[in-house]
Amino acid sequence: MSTITPEVPSERVAIIVFLLCKGRKFTTMEVAELCGVTRRGAYAIMARISRVLPLTLDNGTWYEYHPSEEPDEVEERGVPHVVLQ
């Protein structure tokens, strides 16, 4: 099986989001290696993703943030209802 390296930003983001949704956690360096970018570039990718998805960086690890399993009136899993509608 050959490994495909993402070539454009949308492919990089797609791979990261797919794996995050499956429960994968990443360090910034792992993102850099997976995407073929610098550590600084990987941090920028994750920061942009975290603007629209509930991600957090804790002790050097990025992962999907679940504040609670019960959605409240304002947000569901950290995503504003305006985005979900």
PDB file of N, CA and C in Angstrom:
ATOM      1  N   MET A   1       0.847  -1.167   0.000  1.00  0.00           N
ATOM      2  CA  MET A   1       0.000   0.000   0.000  1.00  0.00           C
ATOM      3  C   MET A   1       0.896   1.234   0.000  1.00  0.00           C
ATOM      4  N   SER A   2       0.651   2.149  -0.902  1.00  0.00           N
ATOM      5  CA  SER A   2       1.456   3.362  -0.984  1.00  0.00           C
ATOM      6  C   SER A   2       0.850   4.448  -0.104  1.00  0.00           C
ATOM      7  N   THR A   3       1.700   5.330   0.397  1.00  0.00           N
ATOM      8  CA  THR A   3       1.255   6.450   1.202  1.00  0.00           C
ATOM      9  C   THR A   3       1.103   7.668   0.311  1.00  0.00           C
ATOM     10  N   ILE A   4      -0.036   8.316   0.408  1.00  0.00           N
ATOM     11  CA  ILE A   4      -0.296   9.506  -0.383  1.00  0.00           C
ATOM     12  C   ILE A   4      -0.075  10.717   0.511  1.00  0.00           C
ATOM     13  N   THR A   5       0.786  11.610   0.078  1.00  0.00           N
ATOM     14  CA  THR A   5       1.032  12.847   0.803  1.00  0.00           C
ATOM     15  C   THR A   5       0.103  13.918   0.254  1.00  0.00           C
ATOM     16  N   PRO A   6      -0.667  14.568   1.118  1.00  0.00           N
ATOM     17  CA  PRO A   6      -1.556  15.626   0.634  1.00  0.00           C
ATOM     18  C   PRO A   6      -0.743  16.752   0.001  1.00  0.00           C
ATOM     19  N   GLU A   7      -1.214  17.230  -1.138  1.00  0.00           N
ATOM     20  CA  GLU A   7      -0.463  18.232  -1.897  1.00  0.00           C
ATOM     21  C   GLU A   7      -0.993  19.649  -1.763  1.00  0.00           C
ATOM     22  N   VAL A   8      -2.277  19.790  -1.511  1.00  0.00           N
ATOM     23  CA  VAL A   8      -2.873  21.126  -1.420  1.00  0.00           C
ATOM     24  C   VAL A   8      -3.527  21.280  -0.043  1.00  0.00           C
ATOM     25  N   PRO A   9      -3.726  22.513   0.406  1.00  0.00           N
ATOM     26  CA  PRO A   9      -4.286  22.727   1.746  1.00  0.00           C
ATOM     27  C   PRO A   9      -5.601  21.990   2.016  1.00  0.00           C
ATOM     28  N   SER A  10      -6.488  21.939   1.059  1.00  0.00           N
ATOM     29  CA  SER A  10      -7.776  21.276   1.305  1.00  0.00           C
ATOM     30  C   SER A  10      -7.592  19.783   1.565  1.00  0.00           C
ATOM     31  N   GLU A  11      -6.624  19.159   0.910  1.00  0.00           N
ATOM     32  CA  GLU A  11      -6.336  17.739   1.164  1.00  0.00           C
ATOM     33  C   GLU A  11      -5.747  17.555   2.557  1.00  0.00           C
ATOM     34  N   ARG A  12      -4.872  18.462   2.975  1.00  0.00           N
ATOM     35  CA  ARG A  12      -4.278  18.383   4.309  1.00  0.00           C
ATOM     36  C   ARG A  12      -5.356  18.477   5.382  1.00  0.00           C
ATOM     37  N   VAL A  13      -6.229  19.457   5.222  1.00  0.00           N
ATOM     38  CA  VAL A  13      -7.308  19.658   6.190  1.00  0.00           C
ATOM     39  C   VAL A  13      -8.250  18.447   6.194  1.00  0.00           C
ATOM     40  N   ALA A  14      -8.574  17.923   5.036  1.00  0.00           N
ATOM     41  CA  ALA A  14      -9.483  16.776   4.952  1.00  0.00           C
ATOM     42  C   ALA A  14      -8.935  15.576   5.717  1.00  0.00           C
ATOM     43  N   ILE A  15      -7.672  15.291   5.565  1.00  0.00           N
ATOM     44  CA  ILE A  15      -7.065  14.146   6.260  1.00  0.00           C
ATOM     45  C   ILE A  15      -7.094  14.355   7.768  1.00  0.00           C
ATOM     46  N   ILE A  16      -6.700  15.541   8.206  1.00  0.00           N
ATOM     47  CA  ILE A  16      -6.672  15.831   9.638  1.00  0.00           C
ATOM     48  C   ILE A  16      -8.071  15.742  10.241  1.00  0.00           C
ATOM     49  N   VAL A  17      -9.057  16.379   9.608  1.00  0.00           N
ATOM     50  CA  VAL A  17     -10.424  16.369  10.136  1.00  0.00           C
ATOM     51  C   VAL A  17     -10.993  14.954  10.149  1.00  0.00           C
ATOM     52  N   PHE A  18     -10.740  14.186   9.093  1.00  0.00           N
ATOM     53  CA  PHE A  18     -11.213  12.803   9.042  1.00  0.00           C
ATOM     54  C   PHE A  18     -10.680  12.006  10.239  1.00  0.00           C
ATOM     55  N   LEU A  19      -9.402  12.116  10.492  1.00  0.00           N
ATOM     56  CA  LEU A  19      -8.800  11.364  11.593  1.00  0.00           C
ATOM     57  C   LEU A  19      -9.246  11.885  12.959  1.00  0.00           C
ATOM     58  N   LEU A  20      -9.400  13.202  13.098  1.00  0.00           N
ATOM     59  CA  LEU A  20      -9.901  13.761  14.355  1.00  0.00           C
ATOM     60  C   LEU A  20     -11.308  13.251  14.656  1.00  0.00           C
ATOM     61  N   CYS A  21     -12.152  13.164  13.629  1.00  0.00           N
ATOM     62  CA  CYS A  21     -13.522  12.675  13.807  1.00  0.00           C
ATOM     63  C   CYS A  21     -13.560  11.207  14.222  1.00  0.00           C
ATOM     64  N   LYS A  22     -12.505  10.489  13.912  1.00  0.00           N
ATOM     65  CA  LYS A  22     -12.405   9.084  14.307  1.00  0.00           C
ATOM     66  C   LYS A  22     -11.765   8.930  15.691  1.00  0.00           C
ATOM     67  N   GLY A  23     -11.508  10.075  16.350  1.00  0.00           N
ATOM     68  CA  GLY A  23     -10.978  10.028  17.702  1.00  0.00           C
ATOM     69  C   GLY A  23      -9.468  10.160  17.814  1.00  0.00           C
ATOM     70  N   ARG A  24      -8.788  10.365  16.707  1.00  0.00           N
ATOM     71  CA  ARG A  24      -7.322  10.493  16.712  1.00  0.00           C
ATOM     72  C   ARG A  24      -6.909  11.787  17.385  1.00  0.00           C
ATOM     73  N   LYS A  25      -5.824  11.749  18.120  1.00  0.00           N
ATOM     74  CA  LYS A  25      -5.229  12.934  18.731  1.00  0.00           C
ATOM     75  C   LYS A  25      -3.876  13.156  18.066  1.00  0.00           C
ATOM     76  N   PHE A  26      -3.477  14.413  17.928  1.00  0.00           N
ATOM     77  CA  PHE A  26      -2.234  14.751  17.247  1.00  0.00           C
ATOM     78  C   PHE A  26      -1.414  15.738  18.043  1.00  0.00           C
ATOM     79  N   THR A  27      -0.102  15.600  17.957  1.00  0.00           N
ATOM     80  CA  THR A  27       0.772  16.691  18.355  1.00  0.00           C
ATOM     81  C   THR A  27       0.957  17.543  17.107  1.00  0.00           C
ATOM     82  N   THR A  28       1.420  18.761  17.301  1.00  0.00           N
ATOM     83  CA  THR A  28       1.662  19.627  16.150  1.00  0.00           C
ATOM     84  C   THR A  28       2.715  19.008  15.236  1.00  0.00           C
ATOM     85  N   MET A  29       3.708  18.350  15.819  1.00  0.00           N
ATOM     86  CA  MET A  29       4.749  17.722  15.008  1.00  0.00           C
ATOM     87  C   MET A  29       4.190  16.563  14.175  1.00  0.00           C
ATOM     88  N   GLU A  30       3.267  15.793  14.725  1.00  0.00           N
ATOM     89  CA  GLU A  30       2.637  14.712  13.955  1.00  0.00           C
ATOM     90  C   GLU A  30       1.856  15.267  12.768  1.00  0.00           C
ATOM     91  N   VAL A  31       1.165  16.372  12.975  1.00  0.00           N
ATOM     92  CA  VAL A  31       0.432  17.019  11.880  1.00  0.00           C
ATOM     93  C   VAL A  31       1.430  17.468  10.815  1.00  0.00           C
ATOM     94  N   ALA A  32       2.548  18.046  11.245  1.00  0.00           N
ATOM     95  CA  ALA A  32       3.574  18.509  10.301  1.00  0.00           C
ATOM     96  C   ALA A  32       4.101  17.347   9.457  1.00  0.00           C
ATOM     97  N   GLU A  33       4.397  16.231  10.091  1.00  0.00           N
ATOM     98  CA  GLU A  33       4.918  15.067   9.369  1.00  0.00           C
ATOM     99  C   GLU A  33       3.867  14.474   8.431  1.00  0.00           C
ATOM    100  N   LEU A  34       2.638  14.368   8.896  1.00  0.00           N
ATOM    101  CA  LEU A  34       1.560  13.806   8.082  1.00  0.00           C
ATOM    102  C   LEU A  34       1.279  14.658   6.849  1.00  0.00           C
ATOM    103  N   CYS A  35       1.330  15.967   7.016  1.00  0.00           N
ATOM    104  CA  CYS A  35       0.973  16.887   5.934  1.00  0.00           C
ATOM    105  C   CYS A  35       2.162  17.361   5.110  1.00  0.00           C
ATOM    106  N   GLY A  36       3.361  17.060   5.554  1.00  0.00           N
ATOM    107  CA  GLY A  36       4.529  17.495   4.801  1.00  0.00           C
ATOM    108  C   GLY A  36       4.754  18.995   4.879  1.00  0.00           C
ATOM    109  N   VAL A  37       4.485  19.562   6.064  1.00  0.00           N
ATOM    110  CA  VAL A  37       4.681  20.997   6.269  1.00  0.00           C
ATOM    111  C   VAL A  37       5.574  21.195   7.490  1.00  0.00           C
ATOM    112  N   THR A  38       5.952  22.440   7.740  1.00  0.00           N
ATOM    113  CA  THR A  38       6.750  22.757   8.921  1.00  0.00           C
ATOM    114  C   THR A  38       5.875  22.688  10.171  1.00  0.00           C
ATOM    115  N   ARG A  39       6.516  22.688  11.320  1.00  0.00           N
ATOM    116  CA  ARG A  39       5.779  22.693  12.587  1.00  0.00           C
ATOM    117  C   ARG A  39       4.917  23.960  12.682  1.00  0.00           C
ATOM    118  N   ARG A  40       5.478  25.065  12.242  1.00  0.00           N
ATOM    119  CA  ARG A  40       4.727  26.332  12.249  1.00  0.00           C
ATOM    120  C   ARG A  40       3.518  26.248  11.314  1.00  0.00           C
ATOM    121  N   GLY A  41       3.699  25.646  10.135  1.00  0.00           N
ATOM    122  CA  GLY A  41       2.598  25.459   9.197  1.00  0.00           C
ATOM    123  C   GLY A  41       1.528  24.549   9.762  1.00  0.00           C
ATOM    124  N   ALA A  42       1.946  23.496  10.475  1.00  0.00           N
ATOM    125  CA  ALA A  42       0.996  22.567  11.085  1.00  0.00           C
ATOM    126  C   ALA A  42       0.178  23.264  12.169  1.00  0.00           C
ATOM    127  N   TYR A  43       0.840  24.100  12.967  1.00  0.00           N
ATOM    128  CA  TYR A  43       0.122  24.841  13.999  1.00  0.00           C
ATOM    129  C   TYR A  43      -0.912  25.766  13.355  1.00  0.00           C
ATOM    130  N   ALA A  44      -0.533  26.414  12.254  1.00  0.00           N
ATOM    131  CA  ALA A  44      -1.460  27.311  11.551  1.00  0.00           C
ATOM    132  C   ALA A  44      -2.665  26.534  11.020  1.00  0.00           C
ATOM    133  N   ILE A  45      -2.434  25.346  10.474  1.00  0.00           N
ATOM    134  CA  ILE A  45      -3.532  24.501   9.982  1.00  0.00           C
ATOM    135  C   ILE A  45      -4.489  24.183  11.126  1.00  0.00           C
ATOM    136  N   MET A  46      -3.949  23.733  12.249  1.00  0.00           N
ATOM    137  CA  MET A  46      -4.791  23.336  13.376  1.00  0.00           C
ATOM    138  C   MET A  46      -5.523  24.539  13.978  1.00  0.00           C
ATOM    139  N   ALA A  47      -4.861  25.679  14.035  1.00  0.00           N
ATOM    140  CA  ALA A  47      -5.511  26.881  14.558  1.00  0.00           C
ATOM    141  C   ALA A  47      -6.690  27.283  13.680  1.00  0.00           C
ATOM    142  N   ARG A  48      -6.526  27.183  12.352  1.00  0.00           N
ATOM    143  CA  ARG A  48      -7.631  27.522  11.439  1.00  0.00           C
ATOM    144  C   ARG A  48      -8.772  26.520  11.573  1.00  0.00           C
ATOM    145  N   ILE A  49      -8.443  25.240  11.674  1.00  0.00           N
ATOM    146  CA  ILE A  49      -9.495  24.227  11.853  1.00  0.00           C
ATOM    147  C   ILE A  49     -10.250  24.496  13.158  1.00  0.00           C
ATOM    148  N   SER A  50      -9.526  24.848  14.219  1.00  0.00           N
ATOM    149  CA  SER A  50     -10.165  25.033  15.521  1.00  0.00           C
ATOM    150  C   SER A  50     -11.061  26.265  15.574  1.00  0.00           C
ATOM    151  N   ARG A  51     -10.969  27.142  14.585  1.00  0.00           N
ATOM    152  CA  ARG A  51     -11.891  28.283  14.520  1.00  0.00           C
ATOM    153  C   ARG A  51     -13.314  27.833  14.213  1.00  0.00           C
ATOM    154  N   VAL A  52     -13.467  26.715  13.494  1.00  0.00           N
ATOM    155  CA  VAL A  52     -14.792  26.279  13.067  1.00  0.00           C
ATOM    156  C   VAL A  52     -15.199  24.914  13.615  1.00  0.00           C
ATOM    157  N   LEU A  53     -14.266  24.188  14.191  1.00  0.00           N
ATOM    158  CA  LEU A  53     -14.564  22.900  14.805  1.00  0.00           C
ATOM    159  C   LEU A  53     -14.133  22.926  16.264  1.00  0.00           C
ATOM    160  N   PRO A  54     -14.816  22.177  17.119  1.00  0.00           N
ATOM    161  CA  PRO A  54     -14.482  22.203  18.541  1.00  0.00           C
ATOM    162  C   PRO A  54     -13.216  21.401  18.848  1.00  0.00           C
ATOM    163  N   LEU A  55     -12.068  22.012  18.590  1.00  0.00           N
ATOM    164  CA  LEU A  55     -10.777  21.389  18.899  1.00  0.00           C
ATOM    165  C   LEU A  55     -10.126  22.128  20.045  1.00  0.00           C
ATOM    166  N   THR A  56      -9.279  21.436  20.746  1.00  0.00           N
ATOM    167  CA  THR A  56      -8.507  22.074  21.794  1.00  0.00           C
ATOM    168  C   THR A  56      -7.074  21.569  21.743  1.00  0.00           C
ATOM    169  N   LEU A  57      -6.166  22.374  22.240  1.00  0.00           N
ATOM    170  CA  LEU A  57      -4.764  22.004  22.367  1.00  0.00           C
ATOM    171  C   LEU A  57      -4.473  21.926  23.855  1.00  0.00           C
ATOM    172  N   ASP A  58      -4.200  20.719  24.336  1.00  0.00           N
ATOM    173  CA  ASP A  58      -3.979  20.499  25.755  1.00  0.00           C
ATOM    174  C   ASP A  58      -2.705  19.693  25.950  1.00  0.00           C
ATOM    175  N   ASN A  59      -1.754  20.251  26.689  1.00  0.00           N
ATOM    176  CA  ASN A  59      -0.471  19.582  26.937  1.00  0.00           C
ATOM    177  C   ASN A  59       0.197  19.119  25.654  1.00  0.00           C
ATOM    178  N   GLY A  60       0.117  19.949  24.613  1.00  0.00           N
ATOM    179  CA  GLY A  60       0.785  19.645  23.358  1.00  0.00           C
ATOM    180  C   GLY A  60       0.032  18.721  22.426  1.00  0.00           C
ATOM    181  N   THR A  61      -1.209  18.376  22.771  1.00  0.00           N
ATOM    182  CA  THR A  61      -2.001  17.459  21.957  1.00  0.00           C
ATOM    183  C   THR A  61      -3.295  18.122  21.504  1.00  0.00           C
ATOM    184  N   TRP A  62      -3.558  18.046  20.196  1.00  0.00           N
ATOM    185  CA  TRP A  62      -4.803  18.539  19.619  1.00  0.00           C
ATOM    186  C   TRP A  62      -5.823  17.408  19.614  1.00  0.00           C
ATOM    187  N   TYR A  63      -7.057  17.718  20.000  1.00  0.00           N
ATOM    188  CA  TYR A  63      -8.119  16.719  19.929  1.00  0.00           C
ATOM    189  C   TYR A  63      -9.482  17.398  19.885  1.00  0.00           C
ATOM    190  N   GLU A  64     -10.488  16.610  19.505  1.00  0.00           N
ATOM    191  CA  GLU A  64     -11.855  17.119  19.439  1.00  0.00           C
ATOM    192  C   GLU A  64     -12.372  17.338  20.857  1.00  0.00           C
ATOM    193  N   TYR A  65     -12.900  18.520  21.102  1.00  0.00           N
ATOM    194  CA  TYR A  65     -13.363  18.899  22.432  1.00  0.00           C
ATOM    195  C   TYR A  65     -14.843  18.599  22.585  1.00  0.00           C
ATOM    196  N   HIS A  66     -15.207  17.898  23.650  1.00  0.00           N
ATOM    197  CA  HIS A  66     -16.601  17.587  23.961  1.00  0.00           C
ATOM    198  C   HIS A  66     -16.914  18.141  25.349  1.00  0.00           C
ATOM    199  N   PRO A  67     -17.386  19.398  25.440  1.00  0.00           N
ATOM    200  CA  PRO A  67     -17.642  19.976  26.762  1.00  0.00           C
ATOM    201  C   PRO A  67     -18.710  19.222  27.542  1.00  0.00           C
ATOM    202  N   SER A  68     -19.675  18.676  26.844  1.00  0.00           N
ATOM    203  CA  SER A  68     -20.698  17.853  27.483  1.00  0.00           C
ATOM    204  C   SER A  68     -21.434  17.091  26.394  1.00  0.00           C
ATOM    205  N   GLU A  69     -22.085  16.058  26.771  1.00  0.00           N
ATOM    206  CA  GLU A  69     -22.879  15.305  25.804  1.00  0.00           C
ATOM    207  C   GLU A  69     -24.273  15.904  25.644  1.00  0.00           C
ATOM    208  N   GLU A  70     -24.682  16.760  26.579  1.00  0.00           N
ATOM    209  CA  GLU A  70     -25.981  17.419  26.517  1.00  0.00           C
ATOM    210  C   GLU A  70     -25.845  18.774  25.841  1.00  0.00           C
ATOM    211  N   PRO A  71     -26.422  18.968  24.648  1.00  0.00           N
ATOM    212  CA  PRO A  71     -26.365  20.286  24.007  1.00  0.00           C
ATOM    213  C   PRO A  71     -27.207  21.288  24.790  1.00  0.00           C
ATOM    214  N   ASP A  72     -26.732  22.523  24.845  1.00  0.00           N
ATOM    215  CA  ASP A  72     -27.533  23.558  25.493  1.00  0.00           C
ATOM    216  C   ASP A  72     -28.213  24.400  24.419  1.00  0.00           C
ATOM    217  N   GLU A  73     -28.924  25.444  24.834  1.00  0.00           N
ATOM    218  CA  GLU A  73     -29.669  26.250  23.878  1.00  0.00           C
ATOM    219  C   GLU A  73     -28.780  27.082  22.976  1.00  0.00           C
ATOM    220  N   VAL A  74     -27.607  27.433  23.437  1.00  0.00           N
ATOM    221  CA  VAL A  74     -26.740  28.316  22.672  1.00  0.00           C
ATOM    222  C   VAL A  74     -25.840  27.533  21.719  1.00  0.00           C
ATOM    223  N   GLU A  75     -25.258  26.459  22.198  1.00  0.00           N
ATOM    224  CA  GLU A  75     -24.305  25.730  21.375  1.00  0.00           C
ATOM    225  C   GLU A  75     -24.501  24.229  21.508  1.00  0.00           C
ATOM    226  N   GLU A  76     -24.145  23.512  20.449  1.00  0.00           N
ATOM    227  CA  GLU A  76     -24.149  22.063  20.460  1.00  0.00           C
ATOM    228  C   GLU A  76     -22.735  21.599  20.162  1.00  0.00           C
ATOM    229  N   ARG A  77     -22.102  21.001  21.159  1.00  0.00           N
ATOM    230  CA  ARG A  77     -20.718  20.540  21.025  1.00  0.00           C
ATOM    231  C   ARG A  77     -19.784  21.661  20.577  1.00  0.00           C
ATOM    232  N   GLY A  78     -20.021  22.861  21.080  1.00  0.00           N
ATOM    233  CA  GLY A  78     -19.140  23.972  20.782  1.00  0.00           C
ATOM    234  C   GLY A  78     -19.405  24.658  19.458  1.00  0.00           C
ATOM    235  N   VAL A  79     -20.413  24.209  18.700  1.00  0.00           N
ATOM    236  CA  VAL A  79     -20.710  24.805  17.394  1.00  0.00           C
ATOM    237  C   VAL A  79     -21.956  25.685  17.529  1.00  0.00           C
ATOM    238  N   PRO A  80     -21.850  26.976  17.264  1.00  0.00           N
ATOM    239  CA  PRO A  80     -23.023  27.851  17.361  1.00  0.00           C
ATOM    240  C   PRO A  80     -24.163  27.354  16.477  1.00  0.00           C
ATOM    241  N   HIS A  81     -25.407  27.492  16.976  1.00  0.00           N
ATOM    242  CA  HIS A  81     -26.574  27.044  16.216  1.00  0.00           C
ATOM    243  C   HIS A  81     -26.691  27.706  14.860  1.00  0.00           C
ATOM    244  N   VAL A  82     -26.188  28.922  14.726  1.00  0.00           N
ATOM    245  CA  VAL A  82     -26.210  29.619  13.431  1.00  0.00           C
ATOM    246  C   VAL A  82     -25.478  28.799  12.385  1.00  0.00           C
ATOM    247  N   VAL A  83     -24.361  28.179  12.763  1.00  0.00           N
ATOM    248  CA  VAL A  83     -23.575  27.363  11.836  1.00  0.00           C
ATOM    249  C   VAL A  83     -24.328  26.088  11.488  1.00  0.00           C
ATOM    250  N   LEU A  84     -25.035  25.527  12.458  1.00  0.00           N
ATOM    251  CA  LEU A  84     -25.722  24.256  12.236  1.00  0.00           C
ATOM    252  C   LEU A  84     -26.991  24.390  11.410  1.00  0.00           C
ATOM    253  N   GLN A  85     -27.572  25.595  11.341  1.00  0.00           N
ATOM    254  CA  GLN A  85     -28.845  25.768  10.629  1.00  0.00           C
ATOM    255  C   GLN A  85     -28.642  25.934   9.149  1.00  0.00           C
TER     256      GLN A  85
END
